[in-house]
Protein backbone atom coordinates (compact mmCIF):
# COMPACT_ATOMS: atom_id res chain seq x y z
CA MET A 1 111.69 82.71 105.37
CA LYS A 2 111.84 80.82 102.12
CA THR A 3 115.30 81.56 100.78
CA VAL A 4 115.19 79.50 97.60
CA HIS A 5 116.58 82.02 95.14
CA LEU A 6 115.66 80.52 91.77
CA THR A 7 115.32 82.67 88.68
CA LEU A 8 112.25 84.80 89.14
CA ILE A 9 109.62 84.49 86.48
CA SER A 10 108.38 87.59 84.76
CA SER A 11 104.95 87.58 86.29
CA LEU A 12 103.42 86.51 89.56
CA PHE A 13 99.85 85.47 89.89
CA ILE A 14 97.25 86.67 92.39
CA PHE A 15 94.19 84.50 92.54
CA ALA A 16 90.56 85.56 92.34
CA THR A 17 88.28 82.83 93.60
CA ALA A 18 84.75 81.66 92.90
CA PRO A 19 81.79 83.93 93.73
CA LEU A 20 81.38 84.49 97.45
CA LEU A 21 78.51 83.52 99.67
CA ALA A 22 76.05 86.23 100.54
CA GLU A 23 77.40 86.84 104.01
CA VAL A 24 80.92 87.65 102.83
CA SER A 25 81.59 91.35 103.26
CA THR A 26 82.54 93.46 100.26
CA PHE A 27 83.46 97.12 100.14
CA PRO A 28 83.38 99.95 97.62
CA THR A 29 86.53 100.62 95.66
CA GLN A 30 87.23 104.07 97.11
CA ALA A 31 89.91 104.34 99.75
CA ALA A 32 88.74 103.83 103.34
CA PRO A 33 90.48 104.78 106.59
CA ALA A 34 93.45 102.49 107.22
CA ASN A 35 94.07 100.40 110.33
CA THR A 36 97.73 99.61 110.91
CA VAL A 37 99.60 97.00 112.94
CA GLU A 38 103.35 97.34 113.43
CA PHE A 39 105.36 94.10 113.16
CA SER A 40 108.92 93.49 114.32
CA LEU A 41 110.84 90.21 114.36
CA THR A 42 114.19 88.79 115.40
CA VAL A 43 115.31 85.32 114.30
CA ASN A 44 118.05 83.05 115.67
CA GLN A 45 118.22 79.71 113.81
CA GLN A 46 120.91 77.64 115.48
CA SER A 47 119.47 74.38 114.13
CA LEU A 48 121.03 75.21 110.76
CA ARG A 49 124.42 74.49 112.28
CA ASN A 50 123.40 71.94 114.89
CA PRO A 51 120.10 70.07 114.34
CA SER A 52 119.79 69.42 118.08
CA LYS A 53 119.51 73.17 118.76
CA THR A 54 116.25 75.09 118.84
CA ASP A 55 115.31 78.01 116.62
CA GLU A 56 114.14 81.15 118.43
CA PHE A 57 111.82 83.85 117.14
CA THR A 58 110.59 86.95 118.94
CA VAL A 59 107.73 89.00 117.51
CA THR A 60 106.09 92.24 118.61
CA LEU A 61 102.70 93.33 117.25
CA SER A 62 101.45 96.79 118.15
CA ASP A 63 98.52 98.95 117.11
CA ARG A 64 96.53 101.82 118.56
CA GLN A 65 94.89 99.54 121.16
CA VAL A 66 97.17 96.57 121.92
CA VAL A 67 100.86 95.64 122.16
CA THR A 68 101.69 91.91 122.17
CA ASP A 69 105.07 90.19 122.45
CA PHE A 70 105.42 86.58 121.30
CA ALA A 71 108.37 84.23 121.83
CA VAL A 72 108.35 81.10 119.67
CA LYS A 73 110.95 78.35 120.14
CA CYS A 74 110.93 75.49 117.64
CA GLN A 75 112.63 72.13 117.38
CA ALA A 76 112.88 71.28 113.69
CA GLY A 77 111.44 68.01 112.45
CA LYS A 78 113.90 65.28 111.58
CA SER A 79 113.92 62.19 109.40
CA ALA A 80 115.90 59.01 109.93
CA TRP A 81 116.17 55.51 108.48
CA GLY A 82 115.46 56.63 104.95
CA GLY A 83 112.45 58.66 106.01
CA LEU A 84 110.73 55.75 107.77
CA VAL A 85 111.07 57.46 111.15
CA ARG A 86 110.35 61.15 111.55
CA LYS A 87 110.46 63.38 114.59
CA ASP A 88 107.63 65.89 114.61
CA GLU A 89 108.40 69.59 114.51
CA ALA A 90 107.34 71.19 117.79
CA CYS A 91 107.09 74.85 118.77
CA GLU A 92 106.66 76.44 122.20
CA VAL A 93 104.64 79.66 122.18
CA THR A 94 104.81 82.14 125.07
CA GLY A 95 104.14 85.83 125.36
CA LYS A 96 102.41 88.72 127.04
CA GLY A 97 100.27 91.62 125.94
CA SER A 98 99.08 95.00 127.16
CA VAL A 99 96.12 97.15 126.24
CA LEU A 100 96.56 100.89 125.85
CA ASN A 101 94.49 103.28 127.93
CA PRO A 102 92.75 105.44 125.27
CA THR A 103 92.89 108.49 127.53
CA THR A 104 96.43 108.37 128.92
CA GLY A 105 98.17 105.97 126.51
CA ALA A 106 99.40 103.90 129.48
CA LYS A 107 100.23 100.23 128.79
CA LEU A 108 98.19 98.00 131.10
CA PRO A 109 99.13 94.29 131.36
CA ARG A 110 96.26 92.14 130.09
CA THR A 111 97.28 88.86 128.40
CA GLN A 112 99.65 85.96 129.06
CA TYR A 113 100.29 83.34 126.35
CA MET A 114 101.57 79.83 126.97
CA GLY A 115 101.64 76.39 125.38
CA GLY A 116 102.61 75.43 121.86
CA TYR A 117 101.87 73.04 119.02
CA THR A 118 103.23 70.00 117.25
CA ILE A 119 103.13 69.36 113.50
CA GLN A 120 102.18 65.68 113.46
CA ALA A 121 103.88 63.98 110.52
CA LYS A 122 101.91 60.75 110.91
CA GLN A 123 98.69 62.71 110.45
CA ASP A 124 99.86 64.53 107.30
CA GLY A 125 100.91 67.61 109.22
CA TYR A 126 97.79 68.04 111.36
CA THR A 127 98.45 70.72 113.96
CA ASP A 128 96.06 71.24 116.89
CA LEU A 129 95.98 74.88 117.98
CA SER A 130 93.96 74.37 121.14
CA THR A 131 97.21 73.72 123.03
CA ILE A 132 98.03 77.45 122.85
CA LYS A 133 96.39 79.16 125.82
CA VAL A 134 95.85 82.75 126.89
CA ASN A 135 95.15 84.10 130.35
CA TYR A 136 93.39 87.45 130.72
CA LEU A 137 94.45 89.41 133.78
CA ALA A 138 91.88 91.36 135.78
CA LEU A 139 91.70 94.98 134.73
CA GLY A 140 89.29 97.68 135.84
CA THR A 141 85.94 96.02 136.46
CA ILE A 142 86.82 93.05 134.18
CA GLN A 143 87.49 89.83 136.04
CA PRO A 144 90.28 87.39 135.06
CA SER A 145 89.46 84.71 132.51
CA ALA A 146 91.09 82.27 130.11
CA ALA A 147 90.75 81.11 126.52
CA THR A 148 92.60 79.07 123.92
CA PHE A 149 93.37 79.25 120.28
CA THR A 150 91.07 76.75 118.54
CA GLY A 151 90.87 74.89 115.27
CA ALA A 152 93.78 73.42 113.39
CA ALA A 153 96.32 73.88 110.65
CA VAL A 154 97.54 71.25 108.20
CA MET A 155 101.13 71.77 107.08
CA LEU A 156 103.56 69.20 105.80
CA PRO A 157 105.44 69.66 102.51
CA GLU A 158 105.30 65.97 101.66
CA HIS A 159 101.52 65.73 102.01
CA PRO A 160 99.78 69.05 101.33
CA ALA A 161 96.04 69.25 101.88
CA PRO A 162 93.96 68.56 98.72
CA SER A 163 92.84 72.19 98.57
CA ALA A 164 96.47 73.34 98.71
CA THR A 165 97.31 70.96 95.87
CA GLN A 166 94.43 72.39 93.82
CA LEU A 167 95.72 75.90 94.45
CA ARG A 168 99.18 74.81 93.31
CA ASP A 169 97.79 73.18 90.17
CA ARG A 170 95.95 76.36 89.22
CA LEU A 171 99.20 78.28 89.56
CA MET A 172 101.13 75.71 87.52
CA ARG A 173 98.62 75.93 84.67
CA ARG A 174 98.82 79.69 84.75
CA LEU A 175 102.63 79.67 84.68
CA ALA A 176 102.76 77.19 81.81
CA ASP A 177 100.30 79.23 79.77
CA THR A 178 102.16 82.46 80.48
CA ALA A 179 105.55 80.99 79.56
CA THR A 180 104.65 79.35 76.24
CA GLY A 181 101.09 80.18 75.33
CA GLY A 182 100.27 76.53 75.77
CA GLU A 183 101.49 73.18 77.06
CA GLY A 184 104.97 71.75 77.12
CA VAL A 185 106.85 73.62 79.84
CA THR A 186 108.16 71.88 82.94
CA VAL A 187 107.75 74.07 86.01
CA ASN A 188 108.99 73.31 89.54
CA ASN A 189 105.76 72.39 91.32
CA ALA A 190 107.26 72.04 94.82
CA ILE A 191 105.33 73.89 97.53
CA ASP A 192 105.16 74.38 101.25
CA SER A 193 101.62 74.72 102.52
CA VAL A 194 99.54 75.88 105.45
CA ARG A 195 95.85 75.03 105.45
CA LEU A 196 93.79 76.74 108.15
CA GLU A 197 90.72 74.88 109.41
CA ASN A 198 88.62 77.05 111.73
CA ALA A 199 91.88 78.38 113.15
CA THR A 200 90.80 80.95 115.73
CA THR A 201 92.90 83.64 117.34
CA PRO A 202 91.17 84.70 120.59
CA SER A 203 90.67 88.26 121.78
CA ALA A 204 93.86 90.28 122.16
CA GLY A 205 92.49 91.77 125.37
CA PHE A 206 89.51 94.04 124.74
CA PRO A 207 86.03 92.61 125.48
CA SER A 208 84.85 94.05 122.15
CA ASP A 209 87.48 91.99 120.33
CA THR A 210 86.02 88.51 119.84
CA GLY A 211 88.92 87.23 117.76
CA CYS A 212 88.85 85.92 114.19
CA THR A 213 88.38 82.46 112.69
CA TRP A 214 90.40 81.61 109.57
CA ASN A 215 89.89 79.06 106.81
CA GLY A 216 91.73 78.53 103.56
CA ASP A 217 95.18 77.94 102.14
CA MET A 218 98.59 79.57 101.99
CA ILE A 219 101.11 77.88 99.71
CA TYR A 220 104.72 78.81 99.06
CA SER A 221 105.56 78.18 95.40
CA TYR A 222 109.24 77.48 94.79
CA ALA A 223 108.67 78.29 91.11
CA THR A 224 107.64 81.88 91.86
CA GLU A 225 109.32 82.34 95.26
CA SER A 226 106.01 83.56 96.62
CA TRP A 227 103.32 82.74 99.13
CA ILE A 228 99.93 82.49 97.42
CA MET A 229 96.98 83.01 99.79
CA ASP A 230 93.29 82.20 99.45
CA LEU A 231 91.66 82.85 102.82
CA THR A 232 88.44 83.73 104.59
CA ALA A 233 88.28 85.20 108.06
CA ARG A 234 85.24 85.66 110.27
CA CYS A 235 85.58 88.42 112.87
CA GLY A 236 82.46 88.88 114.96
CA GLU A 237 79.48 88.89 112.61
CA LYS A 238 81.41 89.72 109.43
CA THR A 239 83.25 87.42 107.05
CA PHE A 240 86.04 88.68 104.81
CA SER A 241 87.48 86.95 101.77
CA LEU A 242 91.14 87.71 101.08
CA GLN A 243 93.18 86.59 98.09
CA GLY A 244 96.65 87.57 97.06
CA ASN A 245 100.32 86.83 97.49
CA MET A 246 103.52 87.63 99.34
CA PRO A 247 106.59 87.32 97.08
CA TRP A 248 110.11 87.01 98.42
CA ILE A 249 112.39 89.59 96.79
CA ASP A 250 116.17 89.91 97.13
CA VAL A 251 117.27 93.50 97.63
CA GLU A 252 120.58 95.14 96.76
CA GLY A 253 121.89 98.59 97.62
CA GLU A 254 119.77 99.20 100.73
CA ARG A 255 121.40 99.76 104.09
CA ASP A 256 118.57 98.54 106.29
CA HIS A 257 117.48 95.36 104.47
CA ASN A 258 118.69 92.83 101.92
CA ALA A 259 115.40 91.01 101.30
CA LYS A 260 111.70 91.69 101.62
CA TYR A 261 108.27 90.15 101.44
CA VAL A 262 105.64 92.30 99.73
CA LEU A 263 102.17 91.36 101.03
CA THR A 264 99.05 92.10 99.00
CA LEU A 265 95.76 90.59 100.19
CA THR A 266 92.69 92.11 98.57
CA LEU A 267 88.98 91.84 99.09
CA PRO A 268 86.97 90.79 96.02
CA SER A 269 85.96 93.47 93.56
CA ASP A 270 84.07 93.72 90.31
CA ALA A 271 87.41 93.94 88.52
CA ALA A 272 88.43 90.45 89.63
CA LYS A 273 86.54 87.87 87.61
CA SER A 274 88.99 85.08 86.84
CA ASP A 275 92.47 83.74 87.51
CA ALA A 276 93.91 85.80 84.66
CA ASP A 277 92.48 89.13 85.77
CA LEU A 278 94.91 89.83 88.62
CA PHE A 279 98.70 89.61 88.43
CA MET A 280 101.72 91.58 89.52
CA THR A 281 105.28 91.74 88.27
CA ALA A 282 108.03 89.97 90.15
CA SER A 283 109.78 93.30 90.75
CA GLY A 284 107.65 93.63 93.87
CA ASP A 285 106.46 97.16 93.17
CA ASP A 286 105.25 98.11 96.65
CA ALA A 287 102.73 100.63 95.34
CA LEU A 288 101.12 98.46 92.64
CA PHE A 289 97.95 97.86 94.63
CA ALA A 290 98.14 100.93 96.87
CA GLY A 291 94.70 101.89 98.09
CA ALA A 292 93.13 98.48 97.47
CA ASN A 293 90.77 97.23 100.17
CA GLY A 294 92.37 94.46 102.20
CA ILE A 295 95.74 94.01 103.94
CA SER A 296 99.07 95.15 102.54
CA GLY A 297 102.58 95.64 103.80
CA THR A 298 106.28 95.32 103.04
CA ILE A 299 108.31 93.19 105.44
CA LYS A 300 111.93 94.38 105.27
CA MET A 301 114.46 91.78 106.36
CA GLN A 302 118.13 92.14 107.22
CA GLN A 303 119.73 88.69 107.00
CA SER A 304 123.17 87.77 108.32
CA ASP A 305 125.44 84.90 109.33
CA LYS A 306 124.50 82.59 106.44
CA VAL A 307 125.28 78.90 106.09
CA ASN A 308 124.97 76.67 103.04
CA VAL A 309 122.24 74.08 103.59
CA GLU A 310 120.04 71.76 101.53
CA ILE A 311 116.64 73.45 101.32
CA GLU A 312 115.06 70.79 99.10
CA PRO A 313 116.38 67.45 97.73
CA GLY A 314 119.43 68.19 95.58
CA VAL A 315 119.19 71.98 96.01
CA LYS A 316 121.44 73.97 98.35
CA ASP A 317 121.37 77.64 99.20
CA ASP A 318 122.88 80.12 101.64
CA VAL A 319 120.40 80.57 104.48
CA ALA A 320 120.62 83.18 107.23
CA THR A 321 120.88 82.04 110.82
CA GLN A 322 120.19 85.59 112.03
CA MET A 323 117.53 88.04 110.89
CA LYS A 324 115.78 91.23 111.92
CA ALA A 325 112.57 92.31 110.20
CA THR A 326 110.06 95.13 110.43
CA ALA A 327 106.79 95.93 108.69
CA THR A 328 103.59 97.90 108.88
CA PHE A 329 100.52 95.84 108.01
CA THR A 330 97.91 98.23 106.68
CA GLY A 331 94.25 97.28 106.64
CA THR A 332 92.10 99.35 104.29
CA GLY A 333 88.34 98.87 104.45
CA VAL A 334 88.78 96.18 107.11
CA PRO A 335 88.78 96.39 110.94
CA VAL A 336 91.96 96.51 112.99
CA GLU A 337 90.91 93.22 114.63
CA LEU A 338 91.31 91.47 111.27
CA VAL A 339 94.77 92.94 110.67
CA ARG A 340 95.79 92.12 114.25
CA SER A 341 94.56 88.53 113.88
CA PHE A 342 96.47 88.09 110.61
CA GLY A 343 99.57 89.29 112.44
CA ALA A 344 98.93 86.73 115.17
CA ILE A 345 98.70 83.92 112.58
CA ILE A 346 102.03 85.00 111.08
CA SER A 347 103.52 85.20 114.59
CA VAL A 348 102.39 81.76 115.74
CA PHE A 349 103.62 80.12 112.52
CA VAL A 350 106.65 82.37 112.28
CA ARG A 351 109.07 79.55 111.57
CA THR A 352 107.04 78.52 108.53
CA PHE A 353 107.22 82.00 107.01
CA PHE A 354 110.69 83.09 108.13
CA GLY A 355 112.54 79.90 109.08
CA ALA A 356 114.59 77.51 107.00
């Protein structure tokens, strides 16, 4: 959760990237059958009051085939001695999953998750994912087995990956041009970043599900209060390119939520030729890209028990220690395995997207 509530700019940019390689899958513009994954989250961030405490996140992902529960406990990174000594942020990841019998609907235990990861400050935020393991329980004629997440992420605000910096610079140029029609505007260029490097989520339990491998960047722009995403994912023999954003929007007058993320990740189309071709207003109109091929969803968040903390040097804000969130991630023109894998990425890195 990025709760920096600066003045929202009047437009928010969605990127269209360079031409894709031949193997990248594209789809016609007409609506295709949707694959949905339900997402629910609870957050308890006690480190906001006591830095020695851990932050706890519980996530449930469910679709027509699989239900998975994740529990993520994180110890926030710390700096001391003027920043010369830093304790790495570390997260424990546990969980369990069941597959659904397509005939009876019965939930059958299938997966057990264990392990965790450490964001290594001395290596510019390098994060090895192979320390997250999954056991597959025997079921039917399938024997027990084991696998791991693989690949890595790079995420450290002080030292974003070069590709994340390039993505930020493209956004900054676009914002400056939009604001003045030219040069001369100072825009807050602070970002948080997650770079995925062959980050692989293994099968959620079905032998036909081979998992997905992700590459690319997700940056949170403090200027636009939005995650900007430029990703590719390979699931089985198909590769999908996904570009878009997920703005944070404060909400008033609703009983069930007081903030939301609006996710729009689209596959490339003939209509997207350059950086200027795709944009959306900061109002977060949920239906703006309805029917587009890709992944979309609105994450509704109910925040409570806020404390005033410094969220970047010299900037303080009221940040919730407690949160509940729900969403439906809808995949249109893409397989449910892709949507499920995206949900797993959000779940594993839940503190980055929903924590302080």
